[in-house]
């Protein structure tokens, strides 16, 4: 693969410009950037560990939780207690991105 400087020295300015535009496009598109970071890290990690394949198989998982019941309460508690477990706050009602304390904030 020739660098842009080498392409210009060879008189292939148009090809050098196309290469530059491709780089700019990659840098301005977050999804392309994240994809390339993940791919490059995977290649580095796999080479270092002597393994093959992707490191991140799925983007995320979505699971339906039935209304009411223990599963819903457990999941809601897990979400509300994450900032407490991360030691960001002492009480979930104090976390601005959490709906746990919403009822108490409205009552004031």
C-alpha atoms as a PDB file:
ATOM      1  CA  UNK A   1       0.000   0.000   0.000  1.00  0.00           C
ATOM      2  CA  UNK A   2       1.500   3.293  -1.052  1.00  0.00           C
ATOM      3  CA  UNK A   3       1.315   6.358   1.169  1.00  0.00           C
ATOM      4  CA  UNK A   4      -0.190   9.627  -0.068  1.00  0.00           C
ATOM      5  CA  UNK A   5       3.296  11.201  -0.285  1.00  0.00           C
ATOM      6  CA  UNK A   6       4.604   8.356  -2.460  1.00  0.00           C
ATOM      7  CA  UNK A   7       1.527   8.570  -4.679  1.00  0.00           C
ATOM      8  CA  UNK A   8       2.096  12.303  -5.187  1.00  0.00           C
ATOM      9  CA  UNK A   9       5.783  11.763  -5.972  1.00  0.00           C
ATOM     10  CA  UNK A  10       4.721   9.250  -8.619  1.00  0.00           C
ATOM     11  CA  UNK A  11       2.392  11.861 -10.125  1.00  0.00           C
ATOM     12  CA  UNK A  12      -0.776  10.157  -8.932  1.00  0.00           C
ATOM     13  CA  UNK A  13      -2.328  13.217  -7.271  1.00  0.00           C
ATOM     14  CA  UNK A  14      -5.914  12.110  -7.942  1.00  0.00           C
ATOM     15  CA  UNK A  15      -5.324   8.767  -6.266  1.00  0.00           C
ATOM     16  CA  UNK A  16      -3.646  10.530  -3.330  1.00  0.00           C
ATOM     17  CA  UNK A  17      -6.661  12.850  -2.999  1.00  0.00           C
ATOM     18  CA  UNK A  18      -9.073   9.885  -3.063  1.00  0.00           C
ATOM     19  CA  UNK A  19      -7.073   8.224  -0.316  1.00  0.00           C
ATOM     20  CA  UNK A  20      -7.193  11.424   1.768  1.00  0.00           C
ATOM     21  CA  UNK A  21     -10.974  11.696   1.313  1.00  0.00           C
ATOM     22  CA  UNK A  22     -11.399   8.081   2.440  1.00  0.00           C
ATOM     23  CA  UNK A  23      -9.416   8.859   5.604  1.00  0.00           C
ATOM     24  CA  UNK A  24     -11.514  11.975   6.275  1.00  0.00           C
ATOM     25  CA  UNK A  25     -14.733   9.998   5.812  1.00  0.00           C
ATOM     26  CA  UNK A  26     -13.579   7.376   8.317  1.00  0.00           C
ATOM     27  CA  UNK A  27     -12.633  10.028  10.876  1.00  0.00           C
ATOM     28  CA  UNK A  28     -15.977  11.854  10.641  1.00  0.00           C
ATOM     29  CA  UNK A  29     -18.225   8.813  10.964  1.00  0.00           C
ATOM     30  CA  UNK A  30     -18.363   7.488  14.522  1.00  0.00           C
ATOM     31  CA  UNK A  31     -19.713   4.072  13.524  1.00  0.00           C
ATOM     32  CA  UNK A  32     -16.866   3.523  11.044  1.00  0.00           C
ATOM     33  CA  UNK A  33     -14.311   4.740  13.593  1.00  0.00           C
ATOM     34  CA  UNK A  34     -15.566   2.418  16.350  1.00  0.00           C
ATOM     35  CA  UNK A  35     -15.717  -0.496  13.910  1.00  0.00           C
ATOM     36  CA  UNK A  36     -12.090   0.067  12.885  1.00  0.00           C
ATOM     37  CA  UNK A  37     -10.898   0.437  16.474  1.00  0.00           C
ATOM     38  CA  UNK A  38     -12.600  -2.838  17.391  1.00  0.00           C
ATOM     39  CA  UNK A  39     -11.159  -4.603  14.342  1.00  0.00           C
ATOM     40  CA  UNK A  40      -7.623  -3.348  14.935  1.00  0.00           C
ATOM     41  CA  UNK A  41      -7.757  -4.213  18.634  1.00  0.00           C
ATOM     42  CA  UNK A  42      -9.087  -7.688  17.799  1.00  0.00           C
ATOM     43  CA  UNK A  43      -6.230  -8.272  15.339  1.00  0.00           C
ATOM     44  CA  UNK A  44      -3.642  -7.092  17.884  1.00  0.00           C
ATOM     45  CA  UNK A  45      -5.169  -9.119  20.727  1.00  0.00           C
ATOM     46  CA  UNK A  46      -5.527 -12.266  18.605  1.00  0.00           C
ATOM     47  CA  UNK A  47      -1.954 -12.024  17.325  1.00  0.00           C
ATOM     48  CA  UNK A  48      -0.635 -11.527  20.841  1.00  0.00           C
ATOM     49  CA  UNK A  49      -2.651 -14.436  22.279  1.00  0.00           C
ATOM     50  CA  UNK A  50      -2.373 -16.750  19.285  1.00  0.00           C
ATOM     51  CA  UNK A  51      -6.109 -16.911  18.760  1.00  0.00           C
ATOM     52  CA  UNK A  52      -8.586 -16.245  15.945  1.00  0.00           C
ATOM     53  CA  UNK A  53     -12.053 -14.756  15.546  1.00  0.00           C
ATOM     54  CA  UNK A  54     -13.913 -11.739  16.836  1.00  0.00           C
ATOM     55  CA  UNK A  55     -13.808 -10.550  20.424  1.00  0.00           C
ATOM     56  CA  UNK A  56     -17.257  -8.983  20.401  1.00  0.00           C
ATOM     57  CA  UNK A  57     -19.806 -11.316  18.883  1.00  0.00           C
ATOM     58  CA  UNK A  58     -23.016  -9.418  19.665  1.00  0.00           C
ATOM     59  CA  UNK A  59     -23.665  -5.696  19.952  1.00  0.00           C
ATOM     60  CA  UNK A  60     -26.190  -6.023  22.770  1.00  0.00           C
ATOM     61  CA  UNK A  61     -29.029  -8.204  23.920  1.00  0.00           C
ATOM     62  CA  UNK A  62     -32.598  -7.271  24.623  1.00  0.00           C
ATOM     63  CA  UNK A  63     -34.788  -9.418  26.833  1.00  0.00           C
ATOM     64  CA  UNK A  64     -38.519  -9.018  27.438  1.00  0.00           C
ATOM     65  CA  UNK A  65     -39.444  -8.833  31.103  1.00  0.00           C
ATOM     66  CA  UNK A  66     -43.025  -9.642  32.000  1.00  0.00           C
ATOM     67  CA  UNK A  67     -44.996  -6.957  33.854  1.00  0.00           C
ATOM     68  CA  UNK A  68     -44.930  -7.431  37.600  1.00  0.00           C
ATOM     69  CA  UNK A  69     -43.239 -10.331  39.254  1.00  0.00           C
ATOM     70  CA  UNK A  70     -39.872 -10.929  40.839  1.00  0.00           C
ATOM     71  CA  UNK A  71     -37.854 -10.717  37.597  1.00  0.00           C
ATOM     72  CA  UNK A  72     -39.027  -7.153  36.912  1.00  0.00           C
ATOM     73  CA  UNK A  73     -38.309  -6.022  40.495  1.00  0.00           C
ATOM     74  CA  UNK A  74     -34.847  -7.631  40.401  1.00  0.00           C
ATOM     75  CA  UNK A  75     -33.999  -5.998  37.068  1.00  0.00           C
ATOM     76  CA  UNK A  76     -35.227  -2.556  38.216  1.00  0.00           C
ATOM     77  CA  UNK A  77     -33.215  -2.840  41.446  1.00  0.00           C
ATOM     78  CA  UNK A  78     -30.118  -3.846  39.486  1.00  0.00           C
ATOM     79  CA  UNK A  79     -30.431  -0.790  37.222  1.00  0.00           C
ATOM     80  CA  UNK A  80     -31.183   1.616  40.083  1.00  0.00           C
ATOM     81  CA  UNK A  81     -28.339   0.298  42.254  1.00  0.00           C
ATOM     82  CA  UNK A  82     -25.620   0.433  39.559  1.00  0.00           C
ATOM     83  CA  UNK A  83     -24.515   4.002  40.472  1.00  0.00           C
ATOM     84  CA  UNK A  84     -24.475   3.015  44.159  1.00  0.00           C
ATOM     85  CA  UNK A  85     -22.316  -0.047  43.455  1.00  0.00           C
ATOM     86  CA  UNK A  86     -20.003   2.123  41.337  1.00  0.00           C
ATOM     87  CA  UNK A  87     -19.708   4.441  44.379  1.00  0.00           C
ATOM     88  CA  UNK A  88     -20.991   7.439  42.413  1.00  0.00           C
ATOM     89  CA  UNK A  89     -23.683   8.154  45.027  1.00  0.00           C
ATOM     90  CA  UNK A  90     -24.922   6.792  48.365  1.00  0.00           C
ATOM     91  CA  UNK A  91     -28.646   6.660  47.569  1.00  0.00           C
ATOM     92  CA  UNK A  92     -30.185   5.922  44.136  1.00  0.00           C
ATOM     93  CA  UNK A  93     -32.660   8.806  44.527  1.00  0.00           C
ATOM     94  CA  UNK A  94     -29.691  11.211  44.362  1.00  0.00           C
ATOM     95  CA  UNK A  95     -28.609  10.020  40.900  1.00  0.00           C
ATOM     96  CA  UNK A  96     -29.965  12.449  38.312  1.00  0.00           C
ATOM     97  CA  UNK A  97     -30.268   9.825  35.534  1.00  0.00           C
ATOM     98  CA  UNK A  98     -32.293   7.415  37.660  1.00  0.00           C
ATOM     99  CA  UNK A  99     -36.097   7.343  37.930  1.00  0.00           C
ATOM    100  CA  UNK A 100     -35.992   5.805  41.423  1.00  0.00           C
ATOM    101  CA  UNK A 101     -36.359   9.134  43.257  1.00  0.00           C
ATOM    102  CA  UNK A 102     -38.755  10.683  40.735  1.00  0.00           C
ATOM    103  CA  UNK A 103     -41.812  10.227  42.986  1.00  0.00           C
ATOM    104  CA  UNK A 104     -40.102  11.935  45.926  1.00  0.00           C
ATOM    105  CA  UNK A 105     -38.915  14.816  43.705  1.00  0.00           C
ATOM    106  CA  UNK A 106     -42.465  15.424  42.418  1.00  0.00           C
ATOM    107  CA  UNK A 107     -43.920  15.376  45.925  1.00  0.00           C
ATOM    108  CA  UNK A 108     -41.786  18.366  46.992  1.00  0.00           C
END
